[in-house]
Structures are given as structure tokens and as C-alpha cells.
């Protein structure tokens, strides 16, 4: 029932920045736990960053200090600000929402970090 639409992916050079956005449907967005995952071909999907309905955040060790996850409940949107990007950050990034123990996924957006 919850629909997630990602945007902001693209090609960036090492050391550069991108901001991913995820817009969610529904009137109860402020109650959702939100997260970004990423997945490379042949690999398991891994958690990048998560934010609770109260705004508490958690980050994968690999992105701590470089990525910042925030939410704007008035816009039903979460943002993943990615700074100091590295080639190993290259992946398909997926928006995730959890509401009442039900999980929802976006379609994914490609992030490529390369010279």
C-alpha cells in the first residue's frame, strides 16, 4: 500500500557528493521507520542508514561520517546526503519503509562513483 519513489542517483567522481531522495505515499509517514539499503550484483542487500519515526539514526560503519540521513515529515520524504563518495559506494540504492511490521521497498536508483 505504501509506495516509495527514489530520485537523485547518478554518476559522480570520487570525493564528490550526491543526495538521494525518497518520497513516500500515505498520511502516516511520520510513524514510519525509514532506511536506505544498497545491493551489488551477486551480493546481499545491506543496510546503509536507518531513521526511526522519532528521528534517531543508525549508519553502517562503512558510511559513518560521510552519509547523513534525515526526514522531512511535512514532505513525506527522507534524504540521504552522501559526501566524500568512494568507488566502493557504487551500488543500486533502495529506499525502505516499515510500518506496523510490514516492509515496503522502492524500485532502486543507481549510484556510480568513478573517475
C-alpha atoms as a PDB file:
ATOM      1  CA  UNK A   1       0.000   0.000   0.000  1.00  0.00           C
ATOM      2  CA  UNK A   2       2.890   2.359   0.752  1.00  0.00           C
ATOM      3  CA  UNK A   3       4.648   3.495  -2.421  1.00  0.00           C
ATOM      4  CA  UNK A   4       8.231   4.738  -2.380  1.00  0.00           C
ATOM      5  CA  UNK A   5       9.789   6.776  -5.191  1.00  0.00           C
ATOM      6  CA  UNK A   6      13.550   7.336  -5.205  1.00  0.00           C
ATOM      7  CA  UNK A   7      15.478  10.021  -7.041  1.00  0.00           C
ATOM      8  CA  UNK A   8      18.901  11.643  -7.082  1.00  0.00           C
ATOM      9  CA  UNK A   9      21.135   8.823  -8.253  1.00  0.00           C
ATOM     10  CA  UNK A  10      23.734   9.270 -10.945  1.00  0.00           C
ATOM     11  CA  UNK A  11      27.424   9.371 -11.788  1.00  0.00           C
ATOM     12  CA  UNK A  12      29.853  11.235  -9.565  1.00  0.00           C
ATOM     13  CA  UNK A  13      33.633  11.370  -9.215  1.00  0.00           C
ATOM     14  CA  UNK A  14      35.388  10.053  -6.104  1.00  0.00           C
ATOM     15  CA  UNK A  15      35.214  12.638  -3.352  1.00  0.00           C
ATOM     16  CA  UNK A  16      32.032  14.107  -4.753  1.00  0.00           C
ATOM     17  CA  UNK A  17      28.532  14.264  -3.331  1.00  0.00           C
ATOM     18  CA  UNK A  18      25.025  13.139  -4.163  1.00  0.00           C
ATOM     19  CA  UNK A  19      21.714  13.486  -2.381  1.00  0.00           C
ATOM     20  CA  UNK A  20      19.159  10.722  -2.692  1.00  0.00           C
ATOM     21  CA  UNK A  21      15.500  11.418  -2.017  1.00  0.00           C
ATOM     22  CA  UNK A  22      12.691   9.015  -1.241  1.00  0.00           C
ATOM     23  CA  UNK A  23       9.109  10.254  -1.352  1.00  0.00           C
ATOM     24  CA  UNK A  24       6.506   8.073   0.337  1.00  0.00           C
ATOM     25  CA  UNK A  25       2.774   7.905  -0.061  1.00  0.00           C
ATOM     26  CA  UNK A  26       0.341   7.824   2.825  1.00  0.00           C
ATOM     27  CA  UNK A  27      -0.823  10.061   5.608  1.00  0.00           C
ATOM     28  CA  UNK A  28       1.054   8.199   8.338  1.00  0.00           C
ATOM     29  CA  UNK A  29       4.591   8.865   7.090  1.00  0.00           C
ATOM     30  CA  UNK A  30       5.607  10.376  10.398  1.00  0.00           C
ATOM     31  CA  UNK A  31       5.092   6.965  12.022  1.00  0.00           C
ATOM     32  CA  UNK A  32       7.226   5.030   9.511  1.00  0.00           C
ATOM     33  CA  UNK A  33      10.719   3.814  10.180  1.00  0.00           C
ATOM     34  CA  UNK A  34      12.745   4.573   7.052  1.00  0.00           C
ATOM     35  CA  UNK A  35      16.043   3.339   5.679  1.00  0.00           C
ATOM     36  CA  UNK A  36      18.325   3.129   2.684  1.00  0.00           C
ATOM     37  CA  UNK A  37      19.830  -0.170   1.570  1.00  0.00           C
ATOM     38  CA  UNK A  38      22.221  -0.930  -1.274  1.00  0.00           C
ATOM     39  CA  UNK A  39      22.860  -4.048  -3.301  1.00  0.00           C
ATOM     40  CA  UNK A  40      25.557  -5.021  -5.791  1.00  0.00           C
ATOM     41  CA  UNK A  41      25.068  -7.838  -8.317  1.00  0.00           C
ATOM     42  CA  UNK A  42      25.572 -11.214  -6.679  1.00  0.00           C
ATOM     43  CA  UNK A  43      25.639  -9.706  -3.193  1.00  0.00           C
ATOM     44  CA  UNK A  44      23.105  -9.475  -0.400  1.00  0.00           C
ATOM     45  CA  UNK A  45      21.282  -6.229   0.156  1.00  0.00           C
ATOM     46  CA  UNK A  46      22.925  -4.327   3.005  1.00  0.00           C
ATOM     47  CA  UNK A  47      21.666  -1.620   5.307  1.00  0.00           C
ATOM     48  CA  UNK A  48      23.272   1.767   4.706  1.00  0.00           C
ATOM     49  CA  UNK A  49      21.347   4.021   7.079  1.00  0.00           C
ATOM     50  CA  UNK A  50      18.105   3.961   9.045  1.00  0.00           C
ATOM     51  CA  UNK A  51      15.982   6.538  10.815  1.00  0.00           C
ATOM     52  CA  UNK A  52      13.193   5.995  13.299  1.00  0.00           C
ATOM     53  CA  UNK A  53       9.904   7.835  13.448  1.00  0.00           C
ATOM     54  CA  UNK A  54      11.471   9.866  16.241  1.00  0.00           C
ATOM     55  CA  UNK A  55      14.479  10.867  14.151  1.00  0.00           C
ATOM     56  CA  UNK A  56      17.078   8.575  15.688  1.00  0.00           C
ATOM     57  CA  UNK A  57      19.618   7.443  13.079  1.00  0.00           C
ATOM     58  CA  UNK A  58      21.951   4.487  12.610  1.00  0.00           C
ATOM     59  CA  UNK A  59      24.625   4.060   9.950  1.00  0.00           C
ATOM     60  CA  UNK A  60      26.702   1.263   8.548  1.00  0.00           C
ATOM     61  CA  UNK A  61      30.306   1.545   9.673  1.00  0.00           C
ATOM     62  CA  UNK A  62      31.419   1.956   6.077  1.00  0.00           C
ATOM     63  CA  UNK A  63      29.491   5.223   5.668  1.00  0.00           C
ATOM     64  CA  UNK A  64      29.698   6.797   9.124  1.00  0.00           C
ATOM     65  CA  UNK A  65      30.925  10.350   8.942  1.00  0.00           C
ATOM     66  CA  UNK A  66      30.224  10.563   5.210  1.00  0.00           C
ATOM     67  CA  UNK A  67      26.483   9.944   4.836  1.00  0.00           C
ATOM     68  CA  UNK A  68      23.655  11.754   6.602  1.00  0.00           C
ATOM     69  CA  UNK A  69      20.071  10.504   6.731  1.00  0.00           C
ATOM     70  CA  UNK A  70      17.255  12.915   7.511  1.00  0.00           C
ATOM     71  CA  UNK A  71      13.493  13.093   7.163  1.00  0.00           C
ATOM     72  CA  UNK A  72      11.010  15.836   6.403  1.00  0.00           C
ATOM     73  CA  UNK A  73       7.653  14.618   7.623  1.00  0.00           C
ATOM     74  CA  UNK A  74       5.844  17.600   6.112  1.00  0.00           C
ATOM     75  CA  UNK A  75       7.017  16.433   2.664  1.00  0.00           C
ATOM     76  CA  UNK A  76       6.751  12.681   3.290  1.00  0.00           C
ATOM     77  CA  UNK A  77      10.383  12.470   2.225  1.00  0.00           C
ATOM     78  CA  UNK A  78      13.669  11.098   3.505  1.00  0.00           C
ATOM     79  CA  UNK A  79      17.051  12.256   2.245  1.00  0.00           C
ATOM     80  CA  UNK A  80      20.403  10.538   2.128  1.00  0.00           C
ATOM     81  CA  UNK A  81      23.181  13.086   1.773  1.00  0.00           C
ATOM     82  CA  UNK A  82      26.282  11.266   0.540  1.00  0.00           C
ATOM     83  CA  UNK A  83      29.587  13.107   0.800  1.00  0.00           C
ATOM     84  CA  UNK A  84      33.185  12.044   0.201  1.00  0.00           C
ATOM     85  CA  UNK A  85      31.966   9.282  -2.076  1.00  0.00           C
ATOM     86  CA  UNK A  86      34.219   6.341  -2.814  1.00  0.00           C
ATOM     87  CA  UNK A  87      34.189   3.871  -5.722  1.00  0.00           C
ATOM     88  CA  UNK A  88      33.080   1.158  -3.306  1.00  0.00           C
ATOM     89  CA  UNK A  89      29.887   3.152  -2.702  1.00  0.00           C
ATOM     90  CA  UNK A  90      28.827   2.264  -6.240  1.00  0.00           C
ATOM     91  CA  UNK A  91      25.609   0.281  -5.994  1.00  0.00           C
ATOM     92  CA  UNK A  92      21.878   0.317  -6.513  1.00  0.00           C
ATOM     93  CA  UNK A  93      20.312   2.111  -3.574  1.00  0.00           C
ATOM     94  CA  UNK A  94      16.852   1.145  -2.345  1.00  0.00           C
ATOM     95  CA  UNK A  95      14.513   3.098  -0.130  1.00  0.00           C
ATOM     96  CA  UNK A  96      12.803   1.103   2.605  1.00  0.00           C
ATOM     97  CA  UNK A  97       9.875   1.759   4.897  1.00  0.00           C
ATOM     98  CA  UNK A  98       8.481  -0.202   7.793  1.00  0.00           C
ATOM     99  CA  UNK A  99       5.023   0.362   9.153  1.00  0.00           C
ATOM    100  CA  UNK A 100       3.175  -1.937  11.521  1.00  0.00           C
ATOM    101  CA  UNK A 101       5.788  -4.648  10.941  1.00  0.00           C
ATOM    102  CA  UNK A 102       5.238  -4.534   7.166  1.00  0.00           C
ATOM    103  CA  UNK A 103       8.136  -3.714   4.849  1.00  0.00           C
ATOM    104  CA  UNK A 104       7.981  -1.674   1.656  1.00  0.00           C
ATOM    105  CA  UNK A 105      10.658  -1.157  -0.989  1.00  0.00           C
ATOM    106  CA  UNK A 106      11.349   1.384  -3.678  1.00  0.00           C
ATOM    107  CA  UNK A 107      12.470   0.464  -7.191  1.00  0.00           C
ATOM    108  CA  UNK A 108      16.078   1.451  -6.627  1.00  0.00           C
ATOM    109  CA  UNK A 109      18.338   4.151  -8.022  1.00  0.00           C
ATOM    110  CA  UNK A 110      21.837   3.653  -9.427  1.00  0.00           C
ATOM    111  CA  UNK A 111      24.789   5.418  -7.827  1.00  0.00           C
ATOM    112  CA  UNK A 112      28.109   5.176  -9.654  1.00  0.00           C
ATOM    113  CA  UNK A 113      31.317   6.629  -8.233  1.00  0.00           C
ATOM    114  CA  UNK A 114      34.057   6.615 -10.841  1.00  0.00           C
ATOM    115  CA  UNK A 115      36.703   8.769 -12.457  1.00  0.00           C
END
